Amino acid sequence: MLYFVLFLVRWGGRDSTTNTEPFEYRNRTHRGDMRIHARTLKFAAPLAVLLAVAAMSPASAAPKAAASGAPVLVGQLNTETNAATPGTKNTYGRDTLNAWAKTVNAAGGVNGHKITIKTADDGNDPAKASAAVKNLIDAGVVAIVGQTATGSFDTWAPIAKAAGVPVIGGGCYSVSGNADQNFFCVTTTAILDGLKAQVKLAADEGAKSFGITYASDIPAAAAAAPLMKSLATANGLTWTESVGTTNTQPDYTAVCVTFKQANTTDVGIEGAPLLQNMARDCGRQGYYPKYTSGDGQISQNGWLDDANIKQAIAAVYSFPYMLSKGSDATQTSSLQEYQSAMKKYAPKVLTGDSKQPSTVTWTAAKAFQKALENATAATPAAADITAGLNAFNGETLGGLAPNPMTFTAGQEHPHNSCWFFVQLKNHKLTAPNGMKTTCTP
């Protein structure tokens, strides 16, 4: 949850991640298996004739084996453990990517290439992240896909770039990363598009006044307040307060009183505090604002089950995890593939705190799949994956991407400014607009 404020602060600082994070696409089949159908020859001739024909044309006399490409190694860097939350482990990134790989391998692979996954945990430690990404590169990975190591991204991503190994997806929370042609953002660009999305959504959903909490233990976090104030004003909202908090303070009564006295109808939770703790103290004051989130926090079980959280809304950066029906058959097929894969291979993800962030990783996996489909080399290398990504032209990845993507070699990647709407009401998460997205300028 803390990661969002840190991502937000990447606008002027850096980010971190704890137990939330991060994740397809219109008009493409997800099977790359190649089948060669042998011709069936019918003979009414005696055995001698049959043997003669076989001798002259052995290729047509026996079926060919299915074509098979070389296996492809995919890397992933995650923050599974974190010194700030000892004793906990978050494996949704690894579990989601493995669920995707098992799904495509069961269908014959991608263009006949079976997928092997190699993941590493950076422990939210930049030094460990640097060593981990070097090990992945030395192992021969052709891409880093669906990473959740956002806190150390600016340390390890340049190493991947120097090695020519593309980084595909994961949260798009780094200013330098979003400007890097080796990083392919395939979900909503969090900075600044995601921040604009959060305020616009609050205004669209009837907010009158808006304020935020931010992580006061991160010096650069306070820089978010002027930006959010200007966005609120631009969307016709009355700006009230920005209040610094931490995830560890014992009481939030003063925070609640500040917002209540300012008549704040909507409160943005930007990385801190843990909302259920603040909502507890606000409930004691008879104060129940609508809470807003700009990312995957809203799917945490602590939000879903809390009697003091009456309503929350979120502009989410990847397709809503709970949907199984889209606006057309292709989109529906893509959503159902995700649901089926997760239920079969990673069921714990859909019952944990990272349900929504898992779709960030899945989106990245589908982008890699499409890039590999575009590759023609018998043994694809990292350069082939990069070329496959740069062949994207209005690509929607089976309808699951927030907006069509076009990547061009030698040109800065455009931002993805569209996002999905998720609402928490009566302890139930829904996507009121389905797969329809909203785009900010």
Protein backbone atom coordinates (compact mmCIF):
# COMPACT_ATOMS: atom_id res chain seq x y z
CA MET A 1 0.00 0.00 0.00
CA LEU A 2 2.86 2.34 0.81
CA TYR A 3 4.13 1.90 -2.71
CA PHE A 4 1.51 4.18 -4.20
CA VAL A 5 2.64 7.28 -2.36
CA LEU A 6 6.18 6.49 -3.18
CA PHE A 7 5.25 6.08 -6.82
CA LEU A 8 3.27 9.26 -6.57
CA VAL A 9 6.28 10.91 -5.06
CA ARG A 10 8.43 9.67 -7.91
CA TRP A 11 7.06 12.75 -9.57
CA GLY A 12 9.66 14.33 -7.33
CA GLY A 13 11.12 11.39 -5.45
CA ARG A 14 11.13 7.59 -5.15
CA ASP A 15 8.80 4.73 -4.28
CA SER A 16 8.56 1.56 -2.23
CA THR A 17 6.25 -1.43 -2.01
CA THR A 18 4.81 -3.60 0.67
CA ASN A 19 1.90 -5.95 0.20
CA THR A 20 0.18 -4.41 -2.79
CA GLU A 21 1.38 -3.45 -6.11
CA PRO A 22 0.66 -4.17 -9.27
CA PHE A 23 -1.29 -5.90 -14.87
CA GLU A 24 -4.67 -7.66 -22.14
CA TYR A 25 -5.90 -7.32 -25.09
CA ARG A 26 -8.21 -7.09 -28.03
CA ASN A 27 -8.21 -9.19 -31.21
CA ARG A 28 -5.42 -11.68 -30.76
CA THR A 29 -5.43 -15.44 -30.15
CA HIS A 30 -3.33 -16.59 -27.21
CA ARG A 31 -2.07 -19.75 -28.80
CA GLY A 32 1.16 -19.81 -30.68
CA ASP A 33 1.30 -23.55 -31.26
CA MET A 34 2.03 -24.62 -34.79
CA ARG A 35 0.36 -27.72 -36.08
CA ILE A 36 1.34 -29.41 -39.29
CA HIS A 37 -1.45 -31.58 -40.52
CA ALA A 38 -0.12 -34.59 -42.37
CA ARG A 39 -1.86 -35.51 -45.52
CA THR A 40 -3.78 -38.75 -45.36
CA LEU A 41 -3.20 -40.88 -48.37
CA LYS A 42 -5.70 -43.58 -49.19
CA PHE A 43 -4.43 -46.51 -51.07
CA ALA A 44 -6.41 -49.33 -52.65
CA ALA A 45 -3.23 -50.84 -54.08
CA PRO A 46 -1.64 -54.03 -52.90
CA LEU A 47 1.11 -53.89 -50.30
CA ALA A 48 3.84 -53.91 -52.93
CA VAL A 49 2.49 -50.71 -54.48
CA LEU A 50 2.14 -49.10 -51.07
CA LEU A 51 5.78 -49.87 -50.26
CA ALA A 52 6.86 -48.47 -53.61
CA VAL A 53 4.96 -45.23 -53.00
CA ALA A 54 6.43 -44.96 -49.51
CA ALA A 55 9.91 -45.43 -50.86
CA MET A 56 9.45 -42.68 -53.43
CA SER A 57 7.68 -40.22 -51.11
CA PRO A 58 8.49 -40.84 -47.45
CA ALA A 59 7.37 -37.36 -46.41
CA SER A 60 3.82 -37.99 -47.54
CA ALA A 61 3.68 -41.54 -46.29
CA ALA A 62 4.10 -40.73 -42.57
CA PRO A 63 2.75 -37.86 -40.43
CA LYS A 64 5.16 -35.13 -39.41
CA ALA A 65 5.73 -34.31 -35.75
CA ALA A 66 4.39 -30.94 -34.57
CA ALA A 67 6.86 -28.10 -35.01
CA SER A 68 8.63 -27.08 -31.83
CA GLY A 69 10.70 -23.98 -31.07
CA ALA A 70 13.47 -23.52 -28.57
CA PRO A 71 12.31 -22.86 -25.00
CA VAL A 72 12.29 -19.21 -23.92
CA LEU A 73 13.45 -18.00 -20.51
CA VAL A 74 11.51 -15.07 -19.02
CA GLY A 75 12.77 -13.15 -15.99
CA GLN A 76 10.90 -11.33 -13.26
CA LEU A 77 12.11 -9.18 -10.36
CA ASN A 78 9.78 -8.87 -7.36
CA THR A 79 9.62 -7.42 -3.89
CA GLU A 80 8.35 -10.50 -2.12
CA THR A 81 9.90 -9.67 1.25
CA ASN A 82 10.46 -6.29 2.82
CA ALA A 83 12.45 -5.25 5.87
CA ALA A 84 9.63 -2.86 6.77
CA THR A 85 7.17 -5.76 7.12
CA PRO A 86 9.20 -8.65 8.59
CA GLY A 87 7.60 -12.05 8.53
CA THR A 88 5.37 -11.32 5.54
CA LYS A 89 5.78 -12.43 1.96
CA ASN A 90 3.97 -11.34 -1.15
CA THR A 91 4.22 -13.66 -4.14
CA TYR A 92 1.38 -12.44 -6.33
CA GLY A 93 3.73 -11.24 -9.08
CA ARG A 94 5.53 -14.57 -9.32
CA ASP A 95 2.32 -16.57 -8.96
CA THR A 96 0.52 -14.57 -11.65
CA LEU A 97 3.37 -14.86 -14.15
CA ASN A 98 3.68 -18.58 -13.52
CA ALA A 99 -0.07 -18.98 -14.02
CA TRP A 100 0.25 -17.29 -17.41
CA ALA A 101 3.22 -19.47 -18.41
CA LYS A 102 1.43 -22.68 -17.43
CA THR A 103 -1.60 -21.58 -19.44
CA VAL A 104 0.31 -20.90 -22.66
CA ASN A 105 2.49 -23.98 -22.26
CA ALA A 106 -0.60 -26.14 -21.89
CA ALA A 107 -1.76 -24.76 -25.24
CA GLY A 108 1.54 -25.63 -26.94
CA GLY A 109 3.57 -22.56 -26.09
CA VAL A 110 3.98 -19.37 -28.08
CA ASN A 111 4.85 -20.11 -31.72
CA GLY A 112 5.89 -23.51 -30.43
CA HIS A 113 8.19 -22.02 -27.78
CA LYS A 114 7.57 -23.30 -24.27
CA ILE A 115 8.03 -20.68 -21.55
CA THR A 116 10.26 -21.03 -18.50
CA ILE A 117 10.03 -18.48 -15.68
CA LYS A 118 12.91 -17.38 -13.44
CA THR A 119 12.08 -14.93 -10.63
CA ALA A 120 14.11 -13.12 -7.98
CA ASP A 121 13.23 -11.29 -4.76
CA ASP A 122 14.97 -7.96 -4.19
CA GLY A 123 13.77 -7.56 -0.60
CA ASN A 124 13.23 -3.88 -1.45
CA ASP A 125 17.02 -3.53 -1.29
CA PRO A 126 18.68 -1.71 -4.23
CA ALA A 127 21.94 -3.61 -3.83
CA LYS A 128 20.14 -6.93 -3.80
CA ALA A 129 18.07 -5.83 -6.78
CA SER A 130 21.20 -5.01 -8.80
CA ALA A 131 22.69 -8.43 -8.09
CA ALA A 132 19.40 -10.16 -8.83
CA VAL A 133 18.87 -8.57 -12.23
CA LYS A 134 22.46 -9.36 -13.21
CA ASN A 135 21.86 -13.00 -12.30
CA LEU A 136 18.69 -13.05 -14.42
CA ILE A 137 20.57 -11.58 -17.39
CA ASP A 138 23.45 -14.04 -16.95
CA ALA A 139 20.91 -16.87 -16.91
CA GLY A 140 19.77 -15.79 -20.40
CA VAL A 141 16.38 -14.19 -19.85
CA VAL A 142 15.04 -12.46 -22.96
CA ALA A 143 12.93 -9.93 -21.01
CA ILE A 144 11.99 -8.81 -17.49
CA VAL A 145 8.20 -9.18 -17.38
CA GLY A 146 5.59 -7.97 -14.90
CA GLN A 147 8.05 -6.84 -12.23
CA THR A 148 6.85 -5.75 -8.78
CA ALA A 149 10.23 -4.41 -7.61
CA THR A 150 9.19 -0.80 -8.05
CA GLY A 151 11.02 0.56 -5.03
CA SER A 152 14.40 -0.32 -6.56
CA PHE A 153 13.38 0.15 -10.21
CA ASP A 154 15.67 3.10 -10.90
CA THR A 155 18.61 1.05 -9.66
CA TRP A 156 18.12 -2.17 -11.59
CA ALA A 157 16.33 -1.01 -14.77
CA PRO A 158 19.46 0.70 -16.20
CA ILE A 159 21.34 -2.60 -15.82
CA ALA A 160 18.73 -4.36 -17.93
CA LYS A 161 18.91 -1.56 -20.48
CA ALA A 162 22.69 -1.80 -20.73
CA ALA A 163 22.34 -5.51 -21.43
CA GLY A 164 19.65 -4.91 -24.07
CA VAL A 165 17.03 -6.85 -22.09
CA PRO A 166 13.62 -5.14 -22.36
CA VAL A 167 11.53 -4.50 -19.26
CA ILE A 168 7.83 -5.07 -19.94
CA GLY A 169 5.16 -3.75 -17.62
CA GLY A 170 4.81 -3.83 -13.92
CA GLY A 171 3.59 -0.55 -12.48
CA CYS A 172 4.58 2.49 -14.53
CA TYR A 173 5.64 4.57 -11.53
CA SER A 174 9.08 5.84 -12.49
CA VAL A 175 9.53 9.15 -14.30
CA SER A 176 12.84 8.02 -15.76
CA GLY A 177 11.41 4.60 -16.57
CA ASN A 178 8.43 5.98 -18.45
CA ALA A 179 10.81 8.01 -20.61
CA ASP A 180 13.08 5.02 -21.28
CA GLN A 181 12.68 3.22 -24.59
CA ASN A 182 13.78 -0.03 -22.95
CA PHE A 183 10.79 0.08 -20.58
CA PHE A 184 7.43 -0.77 -22.13
CA CYS A 185 4.55 0.49 -20.01
CA VAL A 186 1.44 -1.51 -20.93
CA THR A 187 -0.97 -0.28 -18.24
CA THR A 188 -1.94 3.27 -17.22
CA THR A 189 1.08 5.53 -16.86
CA ALA A 190 0.92 6.28 -13.15
CA ILE A 191 2.71 9.61 -13.28
CA LEU A 192 1.06 11.92 -13.99
CA ASP A 193 -1.86 10.28 -15.72
CA GLY A 194 -2.82 8.14 -12.74
CA LEU A 195 -2.90 11.11 -10.38
CA LYS A 196 -5.11 13.03 -12.76
CA ALA A 197 -7.33 9.98 -13.01
CA GLN A 198 -7.89 9.79 -9.28
CA VAL A 199 -9.05 13.40 -8.97
CA LYS A 200 -11.17 13.26 -12.12
CA LEU A 201 -12.88 10.11 -10.89
CA ALA A 202 -13.71 11.76 -7.57
CA ALA A 203 -15.25 14.70 -9.43
CA ASP A 204 -17.15 12.43 -11.84
CA GLU A 205 -18.58 10.47 -8.90
CA GLY A 206 -20.02 13.52 -7.19
CA ALA A 207 -17.27 14.79 -4.90
CA LYS A 208 -17.67 18.37 -3.67
CA SER A 209 -14.43 18.82 -1.78
CA PHE A 210 -11.19 16.87 -1.79
CA GLY A 211 -8.18 16.37 0.46
CA ILE A 212 -5.42 13.81 0.82
CA THR A 213 -3.28 12.00 3.33
CA TYR A 214 0.37 11.37 2.50
CA ALA A 215 3.33 9.59 4.07
CA SER A 216 4.94 12.14 6.36
CA ASP A 217 7.92 9.86 7.00
CA ILE A 218 8.95 10.31 3.37
CA PRO A 219 10.31 13.85 2.95
CA ALA A 220 9.43 14.18 -0.73
CA ALA A 221 5.84 13.00 -0.20
CA ALA A 222 4.62 16.46 0.77
CA ALA A 223 5.42 17.57 -2.78
CA ALA A 224 2.30 15.72 -3.89
CA ALA A 225 0.01 18.20 -2.13
CA PRO A 226 0.46 21.18 -4.51
CA LEU A 227 -0.03 18.91 -7.50
CA MET A 228 -3.21 17.33 -6.12
CA LYS A 229 -4.50 20.77 -5.12
CA SER A 230 -4.11 22.07 -8.66
CA LEU A 231 -5.76 18.96 -10.09
CA ALA A 232 -8.68 19.31 -7.67
CA THR A 233 -9.19 22.94 -8.62
CA ALA A 234 -9.00 22.09 -12.32
CA ASN A 235 -11.78 19.51 -11.83
CA GLY A 236 -14.06 21.95 -10.05
CA LEU A 237 -13.48 20.60 -6.54
CA THR A 238 -12.87 22.57 -3.39
CA TRP A 239 -9.45 21.70 -2.05
CA THR A 240 -9.43 21.25 1.74
CA GLU A 241 -6.36 19.74 3.39
CA SER A 242 -3.28 17.59 2.89
CA VAL A 243 -2.38 15.78 6.11
CA GLY A 244 0.84 13.89 6.71
CA THR A 245 0.45 10.51 8.40
CA THR A 246 2.37 7.28 8.89
CA ASN A 247 1.31 3.65 8.87
CA THR A 248 2.48 3.19 12.45
CA GLN A 249 0.99 6.05 14.45
CA PRO A 250 -1.41 4.78 17.14
CA ASP A 251 -4.25 7.23 16.61
CA TYR A 252 -5.73 9.23 13.72
CA THR A 253 -8.40 11.18 15.55
CA ALA A 254 -6.74 14.53 14.84
CA VAL A 255 -6.55 13.66 11.13
CA CYS A 256 -10.24 12.81 11.04
CA VAL A 257 -11.25 15.97 12.88
CA THR A 258 -9.22 18.08 10.45
CA PHE A 259 -11.01 16.64 7.42
CA LYS A 260 -14.42 16.68 9.10
CA GLN A 261 -14.15 20.33 10.13
CA ALA A 262 -13.07 21.23 6.58
CA ASN A 263 -16.21 19.50 5.20
CA THR A 264 -14.12 17.17 3.08
CA THR A 265 -16.42 14.84 1.14
CA ASP A 266 -13.65 12.76 -0.47
CA VAL A 267 -10.30 11.81 1.04
CA GLY A 268 -7.50 10.45 -1.13
CA ILE A 269 -5.30 7.85 0.56
CA GLU A 270 -1.86 8.30 -1.00
CA GLY A 271 0.21 5.50 0.49
CA ALA A 272 -0.46 6.18 4.17
CA PRO A 273 -2.03 5.47 6.53
CA LEU A 274 -3.51 1.98 6.57
CA LEU A 275 -7.04 3.06 5.79
CA GLN A 276 -8.79 0.68 8.15
CA ASN A 277 -6.96 2.28 11.10
CA MET A 278 -7.91 5.80 10.08
CA ALA A 279 -11.46 4.78 9.22
CA ARG A 280 -11.80 3.33 12.72
CA ASP A 281 -10.95 6.66 14.33
CA CYS A 282 -13.02 8.64 11.82
CA GLY A 283 -15.99 6.38 12.53
CA ARG A 284 -15.69 7.28 16.21
CA GLN A 285 -16.18 10.90 15.15
CA GLY A 286 -19.22 10.00 13.07
CA TYR A 287 -17.25 10.89 9.95
CA TYR A 288 -17.57 8.62 6.92
CA PRO A 289 -16.14 10.28 3.81
CA LYS A 290 -15.80 8.59 0.45
CA TYR A 291 -12.23 7.35 0.20
CA THR A 292 -10.39 7.41 -3.11
CA SER A 293 -7.43 5.45 -4.32
CA GLY A 294 -5.43 5.66 -7.49
CA ASP A 295 -4.37 2.06 -7.75
CA GLY A 296 -4.81 -1.43 -6.37
CA GLN A 297 -5.23 -0.62 -2.67
CA ILE A 298 -9.00 -0.86 -2.96
CA SER A 299 -8.90 -4.65 -3.41
CA GLN A 300 -7.24 -5.26 -0.04
CA ASN A 301 -9.32 -7.43 2.25
CA GLY A 302 -8.91 -4.87 5.03
CA TRP A 303 -10.85 -2.37 2.94
CA LEU A 304 -13.49 -4.84 1.86
CA ASP A 305 -14.46 -6.04 5.31
CA ASP A 306 -14.31 -2.81 7.32
CA ALA A 307 -17.64 -1.50 8.63
CA ASN A 308 -16.20 2.01 8.86
CA ILE A 309 -15.39 2.16 5.15
CA LYS A 310 -18.80 2.93 3.72
CA GLN A 311 -17.63 3.68 0.21
CA ALA A 312 -14.39 3.85 -1.73
CA ILE A 313 -13.58 4.39 -5.39
CA ALA A 314 -10.47 3.81 -7.43
CA ALA A 315 -9.10 4.59 -10.86
CA VAL A 316 -7.27 1.32 -11.51
CA TYR A 317 -4.49 1.05 -14.04
CA SER A 318 -5.20 -2.44 -15.35
CA PHE A 319 -8.38 -4.36 -16.16
CA PRO A 320 -10.67 -5.04 -13.16
CA TYR A 321 -9.83 -8.46 -11.77
CA MET A 322 -13.44 -9.48 -11.04
CA LEU A 323 -14.73 -9.17 -14.61
CA SER A 324 -15.39 -12.20 -16.81
CA LYS A 325 -17.41 -10.49 -19.52
CA GLY A 326 -16.27 -7.71 -21.83
CA SER A 327 -17.86 -5.51 -24.45
CA ASP A 328 -17.21 -8.01 -27.26
CA ALA A 329 -16.38 -11.67 -27.73
CA THR A 330 -12.63 -11.12 -27.97
CA GLN A 331 -12.50 -9.11 -24.77
CA THR A 332 -14.67 -11.67 -22.98
CA SER A 333 -12.36 -14.47 -24.10
CA SER A 334 -9.35 -12.57 -22.76
CA LEU A 335 -11.00 -11.94 -19.40
CA GLN A 336 -12.08 -15.54 -19.08
CA GLU A 337 -8.57 -16.74 -19.88
CA TYR A 338 -7.27 -14.71 -16.93
CA GLN A 339 -10.00 -15.97 -14.61
CA SER A 340 -9.46 -19.57 -15.64
CA ALA A 341 -5.68 -19.38 -15.30
CA MET A 342 -5.78 -17.79 -11.87
CA LYS A 343 -8.40 -20.17 -10.52
CA LYS A 344 -6.47 -23.17 -11.79
CA TYR A 345 -2.87 -22.16 -11.13
CA ALA A 346 -2.90 -19.29 -8.59
CA PRO A 347 -6.15 -19.37 -6.59
CA LYS A 348 -4.61 -17.73 -3.52
CA VAL A 349 -4.02 -14.53 -5.47
CA LEU A 350 -7.75 -14.01 -5.99
CA THR A 351 -8.43 -14.35 -2.26
CA GLY A 352 -5.51 -12.24 -1.06
CA ASP A 353 -4.69 -8.53 -0.90
CA SER A 354 -3.25 -8.29 -4.41
CA LYS A 355 -6.21 -9.27 -6.54
CA GLN A 356 -6.26 -6.07 -8.57
CA PRO A 357 -2.46 -5.68 -8.83
CA SER A 358 -2.24 -9.19 -10.29
CA THR A 359 -3.82 -7.89 -13.49
CA VAL A 360 -0.87 -5.51 -13.91
CA THR A 361 1.44 -8.52 -14.08
CA TRP A 362 -0.95 -10.45 -16.36
CA THR A 363 -1.12 -7.52 -18.77
CA ALA A 364 2.67 -7.45 -18.96
CA ALA A 365 2.72 -11.19 -19.63
CA LYS A 366 0.26 -10.82 -22.49
CA ALA A 367 2.38 -8.03 -23.98
CA PHE A 368 5.41 -10.32 -23.88
CA GLN A 369 3.33 -13.08 -25.47
CA LYS A 370 2.38 -10.80 -28.34
CA ALA A 371 5.98 -9.66 -28.79
CA LEU A 372 7.11 -13.29 -28.97
CA GLU A 373 4.37 -14.02 -31.50
CA ASN A 374 5.87 -11.23 -33.62
CA ALA A 375 9.36 -12.76 -33.42
CA THR A 376 10.46 -15.10 -36.18
CA ALA A 377 13.85 -16.30 -34.94
CA ALA A 378 14.17 -20.02 -34.22
CA THR A 379 15.84 -19.13 -30.93
CA PRO A 380 14.46 -15.72 -29.91
CA ALA A 381 16.82 -13.35 -28.11
CA ALA A 382 16.18 -10.15 -26.18
CA ALA A 383 16.61 -8.09 -29.36
CA ASP A 384 13.84 -10.09 -31.02
CA ILE A 385 11.47 -9.35 -28.15
CA THR A 386 12.28 -5.65 -28.35
CA ALA A 387 11.63 -5.73 -32.10
CA GLY A 388 8.36 -7.56 -31.47
CA LEU A 389 7.27 -4.85 -29.02
CA ASN A 390 8.24 -2.10 -31.44
CA ALA A 391 5.91 -3.73 -33.97
CA PHE A 392 2.89 -2.85 -31.78
CA ASN A 393 0.57 -0.57 -33.74
CA GLY A 394 -2.69 0.17 -31.97
CA GLU A 395 -2.21 -3.05 -30.00
CA THR A 396 -4.84 -3.80 -27.34
CA LEU A 397 -3.66 -7.25 -26.27
CA GLY A 398 -6.98 -8.93 -26.75
CA GLY A 399 -8.92 -5.96 -25.42
CA LEU A 400 -7.43 -5.83 -21.92
CA ALA A 401 -5.07 -2.88 -22.29
CA PRO A 402 -6.48 0.44 -21.02
CA ASN A 403 -5.82 2.02 -24.42
CA PRO A 404 -4.27 0.95 -27.74
CA MET A 405 -0.48 0.95 -27.76
CA THR A 406 1.97 1.86 -30.48
CA PHE A 407 5.71 1.54 -29.89
CA THR A 408 8.23 2.77 -32.44
CA ALA A 409 11.97 2.16 -32.28
CA GLY A 410 13.88 5.38 -31.72
CA GLN A 411 10.84 7.30 -30.47
CA GLU A 412 9.67 8.06 -26.96
CA HIS A 413 6.84 5.79 -25.89
CA PRO A 414 3.48 7.53 -25.59
CA HIS A 415 1.73 7.60 -22.21
CA ASN A 416 -1.26 5.38 -21.53
CA SER A 417 -3.73 7.90 -20.16
CA CYS A 418 -6.86 5.73 -19.88
CA TRP A 419 -8.03 3.82 -16.80
CA PHE A 420 -10.79 1.62 -15.37
CA PHE A 421 -13.26 2.39 -12.57
CA VAL A 422 -13.65 0.14 -9.52
CA GLN A 423 -16.04 0.86 -6.65
CA LEU A 424 -16.31 -0.53 -3.13
CA LYS A 425 -19.82 -0.24 -1.73
CA ASN A 426 -21.66 -2.38 0.82
CA HIS A 427 -18.46 -4.41 1.22
CA LYS A 428 -18.53 -5.49 -2.41
CA LEU A 429 -16.14 -4.57 -5.19
CA THR A 430 -17.61 -3.94 -8.62
CA ALA A 431 -16.58 -2.33 -11.90
CA PRO A 432 -19.66 -0.17 -12.65
CA ASN A 433 -18.45 0.74 -16.14
CA GLY A 434 -17.25 -2.74 -16.97
CA MET A 435 -14.35 -2.65 -19.42
CA LYS A 436 -15.16 0.88 -20.56
CA THR A 437 -12.24 3.19 -19.83
CA THR A 438 -11.99 6.91 -19.13
CA CYS A 439 -9.08 8.92 -20.47
CA THR A 440 -7.53 12.04 -19.02
CA PRO A 441 -5.90 14.67 -21.25
